C-alpha atoms as a PDB file:
ATOM      1  CA  MET A   1      -3.956 -14.611  -3.258  1.00  0.00           C
ATOM      2  CA  LYS A   2      -3.497 -12.532  -6.452  1.00  0.00           C
ATOM      3  CA  VAL A   3      -7.026 -14.466  -7.856  1.00  0.00           C
ATOM      4  CA  PHE A   4      -8.862 -13.471  -4.924  1.00  0.00           C
ATOM      5  CA  LYS A   5      -8.179 -10.023  -4.952  1.00  0.00           C
ATOM      6  CA  LEU A   6      -8.772 -10.084  -8.339  1.00  0.00           C
ATOM      7  CA  ILE A   7     -12.342 -10.876  -7.592  1.00  0.00           C
ATOM      8  CA  VAL A   8     -12.850  -8.935  -4.911  1.00  0.00           C
ATOM      9  CA  VAL A   9     -11.526  -5.564  -7.207  1.00  0.00           C
ATOM     10  CA  SER A  10     -13.325  -6.278  -9.850  1.00  0.00           C
ATOM     11  CA  LEU A  11     -16.425  -7.438  -8.170  1.00  0.00           C
ATOM     12  CA  LEU A  12     -15.970  -3.681  -6.745  1.00  0.00           C
ATOM     13  CA  VAL A  13     -15.477  -1.839  -9.481  1.00  0.00           C
ATOM     14  CA  SER A  14     -18.532  -3.487 -11.194  1.00  0.00           C
ATOM     15  CA  MET A  15     -20.708  -2.497  -7.976  1.00  0.00           C
ATOM     16  CA  LEU A  16     -19.967   0.836  -8.316  1.00  0.00           C
ATOM     17  CA  PHE A  17     -20.516   1.224 -11.316  1.00  0.00           C
ATOM     18  CA  ASN A  18     -23.750  -0.390 -11.956  1.00  0.00           C
ATOM     19  CA  LEU A  19     -25.065   1.915  -9.891  1.00  0.00           C
ATOM     20  CA  ILE A  20     -24.296   5.042 -11.957  1.00  0.00           C
ATOM     21  CA  GLY A  21     -27.509   5.987 -14.310  1.00  0.00           C
ATOM     22  CA  ASN A  22     -28.412   8.464 -16.730  1.00  0.00           C
ATOM     23  CA  HIS A  23     -28.818  11.444 -14.170  1.00  0.00           C
ATOM     24  CA  GLY A  24     -26.380  10.670 -11.225  1.00  0.00           C
ATOM     25  CA  ILE A  25     -25.513   7.505  -8.612  1.00  0.00           C
ATOM     26  CA  TYR A  26     -28.456   5.565  -7.617  1.00  0.00           C
ATOM     27  CA  LEU A  27     -28.365   3.762  -4.965  1.00  0.00           C
ATOM     28  CA  LYS A  28     -31.754   1.925  -4.707  1.00  0.00           C
ATOM     29  CA  ARG A  29     -30.685   0.035  -7.407  1.00  0.00           C
ATOM     30  CA  PHE A  30     -28.351  -2.063  -4.669  1.00  0.00           C
ATOM     31  CA  TRP A  31     -31.672  -3.479  -3.363  1.00  0.00           C
ATOM     32  CA  THR A  32     -33.020  -4.773  -7.198  1.00  0.00           C
ATOM     33  CA  PRO A  33     -32.356  -8.484  -8.147  1.00  0.00           C
ATOM     34  CA  GLY A  34     -31.367  -6.870 -11.861  1.00  0.00           C
ATOM     35  CA  TYR A  35     -28.818  -4.624 -10.111  1.00  0.00           C
ATOM     36  CA  TRP A  36     -26.999  -7.925  -9.044  1.00  0.00           C
ATOM     37  CA  THR A  37     -27.253  -9.986 -12.490  1.00  0.00           C
ATOM     38  CA  TRP A  38     -25.676  -6.951 -14.583  1.00  0.00           C
ATOM     39  CA  THR A  39     -22.827  -6.562 -11.473  1.00  0.00           C
ATOM     40  CA  LEU A  40     -21.998 -10.522 -11.899  1.00  0.00           C
ATOM     41  CA  ALA A  41     -21.830 -10.283 -15.086  1.00  0.00           C
ATOM     42  CA  PHE A  42     -20.082  -7.190 -15.738  1.00  0.00           C
ATOM     43  CA  THR A  43     -17.663  -8.852 -13.122  1.00  0.00           C
ATOM     44  CA  VAL A  44     -17.039 -11.761 -15.187  1.00  0.00           C
ATOM     45  CA  ALA A  45     -16.544  -9.275 -18.392  1.00  0.00           C
ATOM     46  CA  ILE A  46     -13.601  -7.365 -16.029  1.00  0.00           C
ATOM     47  CA  ILE A  47     -11.721 -10.393 -15.286  1.00  0.00           C
ATOM     48  CA  ILE A  48     -11.842 -11.791 -18.582  1.00  0.00           C
ATOM     49  CA  ALA A  49     -10.709  -8.773 -20.023  1.00  0.00           C
ATOM     50  CA  ILE A  50      -7.840  -8.420 -17.528  1.00  0.00           C
ATOM     51  CA  ALA A  51      -6.334 -12.074 -18.997  1.00  0.00           C
ATOM     52  CA  LEU A  52      -6.827 -10.626 -22.330  1.00  0.00           C
ATOM     53  CA  ILE A  53      -4.819  -7.975 -21.848  1.00  0.00           C
ATOM     54  CA  ARG A  54      -2.265 -10.214 -20.185  1.00  0.00           C
ATOM     55  CA  MET A  55      -2.169 -12.192 -23.084  1.00  0.00           C
ATOM     56  CA  ARG A  56      -1.472  -9.074 -25.382  1.00  0.00           C
ATOM     57  CA  LEU A  57       1.092  -8.306 -23.176  1.00  0.00           C
ATOM     58  CA  LYS A  58       2.725 -11.984 -23.855  1.00  0.00           C
ATOM     59  CA  ALA A  59       2.104 -11.529 -27.872  1.00  0.00           C
ATOM     60  CA  LEU A  60       3.589  -7.833 -27.656  1.00  0.00           C
ATOM     61  CA  TRP A  61       6.577  -8.893 -25.700  1.00  0.00           C
ATOM     62  CA  VAL A  62       7.498 -11.366 -28.527  1.00  0.00           C
ATOM     63  CA  SER A  63       6.994  -9.298 -31.472  1.00  0.00           C
ATOM     64  CA  TRP A  64       9.195  -6.405 -29.505  1.00  0.00           C
ATOM     65  CA  GLN A  65      11.859  -8.859 -28.811  1.00  0.00           C
ATOM     66  CA  LYS A  66      12.308  -9.977 -32.536  1.00  0.00           C
ATOM     67  CA  ARG A  67      12.168  -6.377 -33.855  1.00  0.00           C
ATOM     68  CA  TYR A  68      14.332  -4.654 -30.765  1.00  0.00           C
ATOM     69  CA  PRO A  69      16.559  -7.550 -30.120  1.00  0.00           C
ATOM     70  CA  ASP A  70      19.359  -4.836 -28.722  1.00  0.00           C
ATOM     71  CA  LEU A  71      16.674  -3.259 -26.002  1.00  0.00           C
ATOM     72  CA  PRO A  72      16.500  -5.509 -22.507  1.00  0.00           C
ATOM     73  CA  LEU A  73      13.220  -5.777 -22.837  1.00  0.00           C
ATOM     74  CA  PHE A  74      12.729  -8.559 -19.849  1.00  0.00           C
ATOM     75  CA  ARG A  75      14.151  -8.632 -16.745  1.00  0.00           C
ATOM     76  CA  GLU A  76      13.231  -9.771 -13.022  1.00  0.00           C
ATOM     77  CA  GLY A  77      10.124 -11.159 -14.313  1.00  0.00           C
ATOM     78  CA  ARG A  78       8.519  -8.256 -15.901  1.00  0.00           C
ATOM     79  CA  VAL A  79       8.036  -6.498 -19.178  1.00  0.00           C
ATOM     80  CA  HIS A  80      10.268  -3.434 -19.501  1.00  0.00           C
ATOM     81  CA  THR A  81       9.031  -0.867 -21.884  1.00  0.00           C
ATOM     82  CA  ARG A  82      10.681   1.834 -21.065  1.00  0.00           C
ATOM     83  CA  SER A  83      13.404   1.913 -23.731  1.00  0.00           C
ATOM     84  CA  LEU A  84      10.918   1.185 -26.407  1.00  0.00           C
ATOM     85  CA  PRO A  85      10.163   3.910 -28.918  1.00  0.00           C
ATOM     86  CA  ILE A  86       6.991   5.878 -28.131  1.00  0.00           C
ATOM     87  CA  ALA A  87       5.121   5.188 -31.042  1.00  0.00           C
ATOM     88  CA  GLU A  88       5.344   1.707 -29.916  1.00  0.00           C
ATOM     89  CA  LYS A  89       3.873   1.990 -27.137  1.00  0.00           C
ATOM     90  CA  VAL A  90       1.054   4.489 -27.970  1.00  0.00           C
ATOM     91  CA  TRP A  91       0.262   1.813 -30.415  1.00  0.00           C
ATOM     92  CA  ALA A  92       0.058  -1.223 -28.042  1.00  0.00           C
ATOM     93  CA  ILE A  93      -2.421   0.534 -25.888  1.00  0.00           C
ATOM     94  CA  LEU A  94      -5.011   2.079 -28.375  1.00  0.00           C
ATOM     95  CA  SER A  95      -5.105  -1.216 -31.164  1.00  0.00           C
ATOM     96  CA  THR A  96      -5.360  -3.265 -27.098  1.00  0.00           C
ATOM     97  CA  SER A  97      -7.584  -1.271 -25.961  1.00  0.00           C
ATOM     98  CA  VAL A  98      -9.856  -1.034 -29.270  1.00  0.00           C
ATOM     99  CA  ALA A  99     -10.000  -4.864 -29.950  1.00  0.00           C
ATOM    100  CA  LEU A 100     -11.402  -4.653 -26.018  1.00  0.00           C
ATOM    101  CA  MET A 101     -13.982  -2.682 -27.161  1.00  0.00           C
ATOM    102  CA  LEU A 102     -14.928  -4.362 -30.138  1.00  0.00           C
ATOM    103  CA  MET A 103     -15.112  -7.456 -28.253  1.00  0.00           C
ATOM    104  CA  TYR A 104     -17.208  -6.237 -25.457  1.00  0.00           C
ATOM    105  CA  LEU A 105     -20.174  -4.227 -27.650  1.00  0.00           C
ATOM    106  CA  PRO A 106     -21.796  -7.348 -29.497  1.00  0.00           C
ATOM    107  CA  PHE A 107     -22.728  -8.759 -26.411  1.00  0.00           C
ATOM    108  CA  ILE A 108     -23.976  -5.036 -25.287  1.00  0.00           C
ATOM    109  CA  PHE A 109     -26.078  -5.321 -28.519  1.00  0.00           C
ATOM    110  CA  LEU A 110     -26.917  -9.087 -27.626  1.00  0.00           C
ATOM    111  CA  ILE A 111     -28.144  -8.009 -24.198  1.00  0.00           C
ATOM    112  CA  SER A 112     -30.141  -5.104 -26.237  1.00  0.00           C
ATOM    113  CA  PHE A 113     -31.989  -7.472 -28.615  1.00  0.00           C
ATOM    114  CA  VAL A 114     -33.398  -9.758 -26.151  1.00  0.00           C
ATOM    115  CA  ARG A 115     -34.484  -6.680 -23.843  1.00  0.00           C
ATOM    116  CA  SER A 116     -37.820  -5.477 -23.984  1.00  0.00           C
ATOM    117  CA  GLY A 117     -38.191  -2.023 -25.590  1.00  0.00           C
ATOM    118  CA  SER A 118     -36.134  -0.709 -28.488  1.00  0.00           C
ATOM    119  CA  THR A 119     -33.016  -2.208 -28.841  1.00  0.00           C
ATOM    120  CA  TYR A 120     -31.780   0.666 -30.968  1.00  0.00           C
ATOM    121  CA  LEU A 121     -32.991   2.655 -28.155  1.00  0.00           C
ATOM    122  CA  PHE A 122     -31.035   0.980 -25.520  1.00  0.00           C
ATOM    123  CA  PHE A 123     -27.751   0.543 -27.206  1.00  0.00           C
ATOM    124  CA  ARG A 124     -28.053   4.273 -28.269  1.00  0.00           C
ATOM    125  CA  SER A 125     -27.892   5.103 -24.472  1.00  0.00           C
ATOM    126  CA  TYR A 126     -25.993   2.740 -23.131  1.00  0.00           C
ATOM    127  CA  LEU A 127     -23.051   4.032 -25.232  1.00  0.00           C
ATOM    128  CA  ILE A 128     -23.842   7.571 -24.578  1.00  0.00           C
ATOM    129  CA  HIS A 129     -24.177   7.235 -20.860  1.00  0.00           C
ATOM    130  CA  TYR A 130     -21.741   4.130 -19.748  1.00  0.00           C
ATOM    131  CA  MET A 131     -19.014   3.517 -23.084  1.00  0.00           C
ATOM    132  CA  PRO A 132     -17.167   6.663 -22.123  1.00  0.00           C
ATOM    133  CA  PHE A 133     -16.660   5.132 -18.706  1.00  0.00           C
ATOM    134  CA  ILE A 134     -15.672   1.674 -19.810  1.00  0.00           C
ATOM    135  CA  GLY A 135     -13.023   3.134 -23.009  1.00  0.00           C
ATOM    136  CA  ALA A 136     -11.514   5.634 -20.100  1.00  0.00           C
ATOM    137  CA  GLY A 137     -11.294   2.706 -17.763  1.00  0.00           C
ATOM    138  CA  CYS A 138      -9.875   0.617 -20.193  1.00  0.00           C
ATOM    139  CA  ILE A 139      -7.161   2.523 -21.613  1.00  0.00           C
ATOM    140  CA  VAL A 140      -6.000   3.752 -18.481  1.00  0.00           C
ATOM    141  CA  TYR A 141      -5.900  -0.162 -17.341  1.00  0.00           C
ATOM    142  CA  VAL A 142      -4.244  -0.934 -20.900  1.00  0.00           C
ATOM    143  CA  ARG A 143      -2.053   1.715 -20.059  1.00  0.00           C
ATOM    144  CA  TYR A 144      -0.888   0.369 -16.301  1.00  0.00           C
ATOM    145  CA  VAL A 145      -0.510  -3.071 -17.445  1.00  0.00           C
ATOM    146  CA  ILE A 146       1.663  -2.257 -20.632  1.00  0.00           C
ATOM    147  CA  THR A 147       4.446   0.000 -18.351  1.00  0.00           C
ATOM    148  CA  ARG A 148       4.120  -2.001 -15.326  1.00  0.00           C
ATOM    149  CA  GLY A 149       4.723  -5.310 -17.428  1.00  0.00           C
ATOM    150  CA  GLN A 150       4.232  -7.601 -14.731  1.00  0.00           C
ATOM    151  CA  VAL A 151       1.526 -10.565 -16.210  1.00  0.00           C
ATOM    152  CA  TRP A 152       1.025 -13.206 -12.997  1.00  0.00           C
ATOM    153  CA  TRP A 153       2.289 -16.671 -14.193  1.00  0.00           C
ATOM    154  CA  PHE A 154       4.765 -14.780 -16.699  1.00  0.00           C
ATOM    155  CA  THR A 155       8.088 -16.375 -15.031  1.00  0.00           C
ATOM    156  CA  PRO A 156      11.183 -16.358 -16.725  1.00  0.00           C
ATOM    157  CA  THR A 157      11.003 -20.674 -16.665  1.00  0.00           C
ATOM    158  CA  ASN A 158       7.696 -20.446 -18.453  1.00  0.00           C
ATOM    159  CA  ALA A 159       8.369 -17.139 -20.982  1.00  0.00           C
ATOM    160  CA  LEU A 160      11.370 -19.254 -22.441  1.00  0.00           C
ATOM    161  CA  ALA A 161       9.212 -22.372 -22.176  1.00  0.00           C
ATOM    162  CA  LEU A 162       6.260 -20.349 -24.665  1.00  0.00           C
ATOM    163  CA  PHE A 163       8.406 -18.511 -26.589  1.00  0.00           C
ATOM    164  CA  GLY A 164      11.793 -19.378 -26.517  1.00  0.00           C
ATOM    165  CA  HIS A 165      11.768 -20.733 -30.181  1.00  0.00           C
ATOM    166  CA  LEU A 166      10.412 -17.384 -31.388  1.00  0.00           C
ATOM    167  CA  ILE A 167      13.644 -15.485 -29.807  1.00  0.00           C
ATOM    168  CA  PRO A 168      16.599 -14.405 -31.453  1.00  0.00           C
ATOM    169  CA  GLU A 169      19.424 -15.594 -29.681  1.00  0.00           C
ATOM    170  CA  LYS A 170      21.101 -12.485 -27.768  1.00  0.00           C
ATOM    171  CA  ILE A 171      25.001 -13.592 -26.592  1.00  0.00           C
ATOM    172  CA  ILE A 172      26.192 -11.965 -23.488  1.00  0.00           C
ATOM    173  CA  PRO A 173      29.620 -10.374 -24.278  1.00  0.00           C
ATOM    174  CA  VAL A 174      31.173 -12.445 -21.577  1.00  0.00           C
ATOM    175  CA  GLU A 175      34.665 -11.998 -23.749  1.00  0.00           C
ATOM    176  CA  LYS A 176      35.325  -8.521 -22.774  1.00  0.00           C
ATOM    177  CA  THR A 177      34.979  -9.320 -19.106  1.00  0.00           C
ATOM    178  CA  VAL A 178      38.546  -8.999 -17.490  1.00  0.00           C
ATOM    179  CA  GLU A 179      39.384 -11.991 -15.307  1.00  0.00           C
ATOM    180  CA  ARG A 180      41.421 -11.173 -12.317  1.00  0.00           C
ATOM    181  CA  VAL A 181      45.182 -12.443 -12.505  1.00  0.00           C
ATOM    182  CA  VAL A 182      45.467 -15.238  -9.214  1.00  0.00           C
ATOM    183  CA  THR A 183      48.596 -16.563  -7.920  1.00  0.00           C
ATOM    184  CA  ILE A 184      47.719 -20.149  -7.873  1.00  0.00           C
ATOM    185  CA  VAL A 185      48.241 -21.954  -4.486  1.00  0.00           C
ATOM    186  CA  ASN A 186      50.753 -25.356  -3.791  1.00  0.00           C
ATOM    187  CA  PRO A 187      47.802 -28.091  -4.461  1.00  0.00           C
ATOM    188  CA  SER A 188      48.311 -28.989  -1.324  1.00  0.00           C
ATOM    189  CA  THR A 189      46.601 -26.585   0.456  1.00  0.00           C
ATOM    190  CA  LEU A 190      43.593 -27.474  -1.376  1.00  0.00           C
ATOM    191  CA  ASN A 191      41.856 -29.189   1.017  1.00  0.00           C
ATOM    192  CA  GLU A 192      42.027 -26.429   3.396  1.00  0.00           C
ATOM    193  CA  ARG A 193      39.675 -23.211   3.287  1.00  0.00           C
ATOM    194  CA  ILE A 194      40.340 -20.792   0.561  1.00  0.00           C
ATOM    195  CA  VAL A 195      39.142 -17.163   0.254  1.00  0.00           C
ATOM    196  CA  ILE A 196      35.917 -17.325  -1.927  1.00  0.00           C
ATOM    197  CA  GLY A 197      37.325 -14.354  -3.829  1.00  0.00           C
ATOM    198  CA  SER A 198      39.908 -17.128  -4.847  1.00  0.00           C
ATOM    199  CA  LEU A 199      38.183 -20.364  -4.813  1.00  0.00           C
ATOM    200  CA  TYR A 200      37.580 -20.665  -8.019  1.00  0.00           C
ATOM    201  CA  ASP A 201      40.825 -19.920  -9.300  1.00  0.00           C
ATOM    202  CA  VAL A 202      42.487 -22.252  -7.031  1.00  0.00           C
ATOM    203  CA  LEU A 203      40.702 -24.820  -8.187  1.00  0.00           C
ATOM    204  CA  TYR A 204      40.102 -23.953 -12.421  1.00  0.00           C
ATOM    205  CA  ASN A 205      43.091 -23.652 -12.085  1.00  0.00           C
ATOM    206  CA  HIS A 206      44.063 -27.397 -10.376  1.00  0.00           C
ATOM    207  CA  ALA A 207      42.208 -29.235 -12.572  1.00  0.00           C
ATOM    208  CA  ARG A 208      40.462 -27.292 -15.185  1.00  0.00           C
ATOM    209  CA  PHE A 209      37.130 -28.251 -17.213  1.00  0.00           C
ATOM    210  CA  ASP A 210      37.277 -31.503 -19.597  1.00  0.00           C
ATOM    211  CA  ALA A 211      34.237 -32.152 -21.792  1.00  0.00           C
ATOM    212  CA  LYS A 212      35.785 -35.106 -23.583  1.00  0.00           C
ATOM    213  CA  THR A 213      36.291 -36.666 -20.208  1.00  0.00           C
ATOM    214  CA  LEU A 214      33.073 -36.711 -18.443  1.00  0.00           C
ATOM    215  CA  ARG A 215      31.752 -39.970 -17.204  1.00  0.00           C
ATOM    216  CA  LYS A 216      28.002 -40.438 -17.640  1.00  0.00           C
ATOM    217  CA  ASP A 217      27.364 -42.315 -14.178  1.00  0.00           C
ATOM    218  CA  ALA A 218      30.070 -40.313 -11.671  1.00  0.00           C
ATOM    219  CA  VAL A 219      31.212 -36.596 -12.136  1.00  0.00           C
ATOM    220  CA  ARG A 220      33.369 -34.441 -10.022  1.00  0.00           C
ATOM    221  CA  MET A 221      30.722 -31.726  -7.804  1.00  0.00           C
ATOM    222  CA  PHE A 222      32.862 -29.156  -9.839  1.00  0.00           C
ATOM    223  CA  ASP A 223      31.511 -30.177 -13.195  1.00  0.00           C
ATOM    224  CA  VAL A 224      27.799 -29.591 -11.866  1.00  0.00           C
ATOM    225  CA  PRO A 225      26.480 -26.253 -12.879  1.00  0.00           C
ATOM    226  CA  PHE A 226      23.094 -27.033 -12.093  1.00  0.00           C
ATOM    227  CA  TYR A 227      20.974 -29.877  -9.943  1.00  0.00           C
ATOM    228  CA  PHE A 228      17.341 -29.610 -10.667  1.00  0.00           C
ATOM    229  CA  SER A 229      14.864 -31.245  -8.419  1.00  0.00           C
ATOM    230  CA  LYS A 230      11.355 -32.190  -9.103  1.00  0.00           C
ATOM    231  CA  THR A 231       8.494 -35.060  -8.142  1.00  0.00           C
ATOM    232  CA  ARG A 232      10.028 -37.941  -8.645  1.00  0.00           C
ATOM    233  CA  LYS A 233      12.875 -36.334 -10.967  1.00  0.00           C
ATOM    234  CA  LYS A 234      15.950 -35.346 -10.798  1.00  0.00           C
ATOM    235  CA  GLU A 235      18.453 -33.763 -12.717  1.00  0.00           C
ATOM    236  CA  VAL A 236      21.641 -32.650 -13.172  1.00  0.00           C
ATOM    237  CA  ILE A 237      23.460 -30.035 -15.943  1.00  0.00           C
ATOM    238  CA  LEU A 238      27.223 -30.990 -16.820  1.00  0.00           C
ATOM    239  CA  ILE A 239      29.897 -28.285 -17.407  1.00  0.00           C
ATOM    240  CA  ASP A 240      29.356 -28.954 -21.300  1.00  0.00           C
ATOM    241  CA  GLY A 241      25.563 -28.264 -20.934  1.00  0.00           C
ATOM    242  CA  THR A 242      24.259 -32.301 -20.964  1.00  0.00           C
ATOM    243  CA  ARG A 243      21.015 -32.978 -19.145  1.00  0.00           C
ATOM    244  CA  LEU A 244      21.459 -36.329 -16.715  1.00  0.00           C
ATOM    245  CA  GLU A 245      19.073 -38.030 -14.150  1.00  0.00           C
ATOM    246  CA  ALA A 246      21.112 -37.698 -11.064  1.00  0.00           C
ATOM    247  CA  ASP A 247      18.270 -39.629  -8.123  1.00  0.00           C
ATOM    248  CA  HIS A 248      21.716 -39.552  -5.425  1.00  0.00           C
ATOM    249  CA  PHE A 249      23.186 -36.603  -6.112  1.00  0.00           C
ATOM    250  CA  VAL A 250      22.391 -34.957  -3.048  1.00  0.00           C
ATOM    251  CA  GLN A 251      22.321 -37.839  -0.775  1.00  0.00           C
ATOM    252  CA  GLU A 252      26.185 -38.241  -1.920  1.00  0.00           C
ATOM    253  CA  LEU A 253      27.148 -34.749  -1.547  1.00  0.00           C
ATOM    254  CA  GLU A 254      25.389 -34.613   1.906  1.00  0.00           C
ATOM    255  CA  ALA A 255      27.879 -37.145   2.550  1.00  0.00           C
ATOM    256  CA  ARG A 256      30.675 -35.378   2.053  1.00  0.00           C
ATOM    257  CA  GLY A 257      29.094 -32.114   3.416  1.00  0.00           C
ATOM    258  CA  LEU A 258      29.213 -30.200  -0.390  1.00  0.00           C
ATOM    259  CA  ASP A 259      25.333 -30.159  -0.635  1.00  0.00           C
ATOM    260  CA  LYS A 260      25.588 -26.470   0.836  1.00  0.00           C
ATOM    261  CA  TRP A 261      27.563 -25.116  -1.668  1.00  0.00           C
ATOM    262  CA  TYR A 262      24.140 -25.802  -3.806  1.00  0.00           C
ATOM    263  CA  PHE A 263      22.127 -22.810  -3.431  1.00  0.00           C
ATOM    264  CA  ARG A 264      18.384 -22.838  -4.712  1.00  0.00           C
ATOM    265  CA  ILE A 265      17.862 -20.218  -6.417  1.00  0.00           C
ATOM    266  CA  SER A 266      14.256 -21.448  -6.950  1.00  0.00           C
ATOM    267  CA  SER A 267      11.594 -23.927  -6.232  1.00  0.00           C
ATOM    268  CA  THR A 268      13.047 -26.489  -8.316  1.00  0.00           C
ATOM    269  CA  CYS A 269      16.691 -25.302  -9.522  1.00  0.00           C
ATOM    270  CA  ARG A 270      20.260 -25.155  -7.100  1.00  0.00           C
ATOM    271  CA  VAL A 271      23.437 -23.610  -8.648  1.00  0.00           C
ATOM    272  CA  ASN A 272      26.821 -24.256  -7.818  1.00  0.00           C
ATOM    273  CA  MET A 273      27.739 -21.482  -5.599  1.00  0.00           C
ATOM    274  CA  MET A 274      31.997 -21.989  -6.751  1.00  0.00           C
ATOM    275  CA  HIS A 275      31.306 -21.342 -10.225  1.00  0.00           C
ATOM    276  CA  VAL A 276      29.458 -17.647  -9.588  1.00  0.00           C
ATOM    277  CA  ARG A 277      31.295 -14.625  -9.836  1.00  0.00           C
ATOM    278  CA  TYR A 278      31.967 -12.438  -6.426  1.00  0.00           C
ATOM    279  CA  PRO A 279      31.256 -10.491  -4.725  1.00  0.00           C
ATOM    280  CA  ILE A 280      27.375 -11.002  -4.337  1.00  0.00           C
ATOM    281  CA  MET A 281      24.799  -8.437  -3.167  1.00  0.00           C
ATOM    282  CA  PRO A 282      21.953 -10.245  -0.619  1.00  0.00           C
ATOM    283  CA  ASN A 283      19.152  -8.331  -3.089  1.00  0.00           C
ATOM    284  CA  ALA A 284      21.060  -8.859  -6.307  1.00  0.00           C
ATOM    285  CA  THR A 285      18.642 -10.202  -9.279  1.00  0.00           C
ATOM    286  CA  GLN A 286      20.410 -12.565 -11.159  1.00  0.00           C
ATOM    287  CA  LEU A 287      24.026 -14.145 -10.259  1.00  0.00           C
ATOM    288  CA  GLU A 288      26.707 -14.266 -13.011  1.00  0.00           C
ATOM    289  CA  PHE A 289      28.811 -17.561 -14.115  1.00  0.00           C
ATOM    290  CA  ARG A 290      32.569 -17.315 -14.389  1.00  0.00           C
ATOM    291  CA  LYS A 291      33.888 -16.761 -18.068  1.00  0.00           C
ATOM    292  CA  GLU A 292      34.964 -20.490 -18.459  1.00  0.00           C
ATOM    293  CA  VAL A 293      31.923 -21.782 -17.174  1.00  0.00           C
ATOM    294  CA  PHE A 294      29.333 -19.938 -19.141  1.00  0.00           C
ATOM    295  CA  ASP A 295      31.457 -20.689 -22.046  1.00  0.00           C
ATOM    296  CA  SER A 296      31.603 -24.545 -21.457  1.00  0.00           C
ATOM    297  CA  LEU A 297      28.088 -24.610 -20.918  1.00  0.00           C
ATOM    298  CA  ARG A 298      27.415 -22.791 -24.523  1.00  0.00           C
ATOM    299  CA  LEU A 299      28.261 -25.938 -26.122  1.00  0.00           C
ATOM    300  CA  LYS A 300      24.892 -27.276 -25.891  1.00  0.00           C
ATOM    301  CA  MET A 301      22.667 -24.247 -24.043  1.00  0.00           C
ATOM    302  CA  THR A 302      21.999 -20.925 -25.244  1.00  0.00           C
ATOM    303  CA  ALA A 303      23.186 -17.807 -23.594  1.00  0.00           C
ATOM    304  CA  MET A 304      19.007 -17.018 -22.921  1.00  0.00           C
ATOM    305  CA  GLU A 305      18.801 -20.527 -21.411  1.00  0.00           C
ATOM    306  CA  ILE A 306      21.885 -20.152 -18.746  1.00  0.00           C
ATOM    307  CA  GLY A 307      20.498 -16.287 -18.225  1.00  0.00           C
ATOM    308  CA  ASN A 308      16.885 -17.875 -17.153  1.00  0.00           C
ATOM    309  CA  LEU A 309      18.433 -20.143 -14.680  1.00  0.00           C
ATOM    310  CA  LEU A 310      20.406 -17.819 -12.958  1.00  0.00           C
ATOM    311  CA  LEU A 311      17.750 -15.206 -12.051  1.00  0.00           C
ATOM    312  CA  VAL A 312      17.096 -15.198  -8.342  1.00  0.00           C
ATOM    313  CA  THR A 313      12.985 -15.529  -7.749  1.00  0.00           C
ATOM    314  CA  GLU A 314      11.357 -12.594  -5.448  1.00  0.00           C
ATOM    315  CA  TRP A 315      10.511 -15.034  -3.020  1.00  0.00           C
ATOM    316  CA  MET A 316      14.000 -15.809  -2.439  1.00  0.00           C
ATOM    317  CA  ARG A 317      15.136 -12.427  -2.385  1.00  0.00           C
ATOM    318  CA  LYS A 318      11.730 -11.883   0.181  1.00  0.00           C
ATOM    319  CA  GLU A 319      13.121 -14.251   2.369  1.00  0.00           C
ATOM    320  CA  LYS A 320      16.861 -12.813   2.135  1.00  0.00           C
ATOM    321  CA  LYS A 321      17.496 -16.717   1.387  1.00  0.00           C
ATOM    322  CA  LEU A 322      20.537 -15.300  -0.538  1.00  0.00           C
ATOM    323  CA  LYS A 323      21.914 -12.827   2.430  1.00  0.00           C
ATOM    324  CA  ASP A 324      21.766 -16.235   4.703  1.00  0.00           C
ATOM    325  CA  PHE A 325      23.728 -18.200   2.283  1.00  0.00           C
ATOM    326  CA  LEU A 326      26.130 -14.973   1.862  1.00  0.00           C
ATOM    327  CA  ASP A 327      26.505 -14.626   5.611  1.00  0.00           C
ATOM    328  CA  ASN A 328      27.665 -18.446   5.644  1.00  0.00           C
ATOM    329  CA  LEU A 329      29.890 -18.485   2.738  1.00  0.00           C
ATOM    330  CA  ASN A 330      33.182 -18.273   4.143  1.00  0.00           C
ATOM    331  CA  ASN A 331      32.298 -20.790   6.310  1.00  0.00           C
ATOM    332  CA  LEU A 332      31.381 -23.985   3.875  1.00  0.00           C
ATOM    333  CA  ARG A 333      34.231 -26.306   3.080  1.00  0.00           C
ATOM    334  CA  HIS A 334      35.337 -27.377  -0.108  1.00  0.00           C
ATOM    335  CA  LYS A 335      37.053 -30.943   0.257  1.00  0.00           C
ATOM    336  CA  GLY A 336      36.089 -33.598  -1.699  1.00  0.00           C
ATOM    337  CA  TRP A 337      35.448 -30.969  -4.524  1.00  0.00           C
ATOM    338  CA  ASP A 338      37.272 -33.071  -7.071  1.00  0.00           C
ATOM    339  CA  ASP A 339      36.024 -36.267  -5.790  1.00  0.00           C
ATOM    340  CA  LEU A 340      34.004 -38.804  -8.840  1.00  0.00           C
ATOM    341  CA  ILE A 341      30.552 -38.820  -7.184  1.00  0.00           C
ATOM    342  CA  PRO A 342      27.605 -40.981  -8.452  1.00  0.00           C
ATOM    343  CA  LEU A 343      24.988 -39.644  -9.861  1.00  0.00           C
ATOM    344  CA  ASN A 344      22.511 -42.664  -9.722  1.00  0.00           C
END
C-alpha cells in the first residue's frame, strides 16, 4: 500500500511540475506526447531520489550511533534526531540535498545534449526556470525524512541484522533497578492462581535459574523467554541465551495449557510473559524483563539484541493484541511451569 501511495504521489507531483513553463502554467502541454515522456521520467527520478534519501538516513544513523552512543537515536522503528546537535542535522540535510542534485544534473545535461538545438541554451534555461523548484523541494523533503526518521523497511530486526556489528553496545543499567520485597508463599500453593504481580517472584524463589543444569532435549517452560516460529523452522532461546530447535515445544505447551503465556510480540517472535515486569500499559512500545532474566540472557546475548526482541510492533498495538492479552492475564494458570517439556 505504501509503495502504491508513493507511485501515485510521485506521478501527481511530476504532472504538476511539468506543466510549469518559463512564464507560468501551460495546460496545453497535457495533451502532448513529450509532456507524458517527461512526466514518467521525472516520476521515476522522484522514486529513486526517495529511496536514496532513506538509504542515506540509514548510513547517517550508523554514524551518529557511533559518535553519540549515549543518545537514544533509535526506538519504535524510527531514527530520532531531536537530541542531535543542530550542526549535525543541518549538515545531514545539506549534504544529502547537494549529493542528490549532483546526481540529477548530469542526466539533465545528457538530455540537453541529445536534443536538437543548443545544448548550452537548453541546460541554462532548465537551471534558471526549474532548478529553484527542484532544489527547494529536495531540501524540504530531505529535512522531513531526517526529522521524522521513518524508513519503511527499517525495522528493529532489520537494523540489528544489517548494522549490529557496527553499533557500540549500550548496556542497560538494570542493576540500579530496585526489586520489591515479596513474601514467599508455601510451595504447596504453587499450583493455584497467584496474583500476576507476585507470580514471577514466587516461581523464581521456588526454583531459580541454573544455566549449568539446562538440558538440550527438554527444558522448563520457565527457562524459555523467547519462542520463534518461521516457515519450516521453530526455535527457542533459553534463559542463558542459547538458541535451540524446538519443533514440538508449542504443542507440548498447548497440552499443558501454558501456550497462552507466550504473547506474540511480532510476526515471528513470542515472549514468555511470566518474565516481564508488571504493570504494562496497553499501548506500551516495549516490554521489560525482570533483572534476573535479563542478567541470565546476557551470558550469550547483547543488551541490544534483548531489547530489540522486546519491542512491541506497531501492528500489535493498533490491533490491541497487547490490551486483549493483559485483560485476560489474571485468568491464566501456571500449573506445569516447571515440567520438563520436550523440544523435539
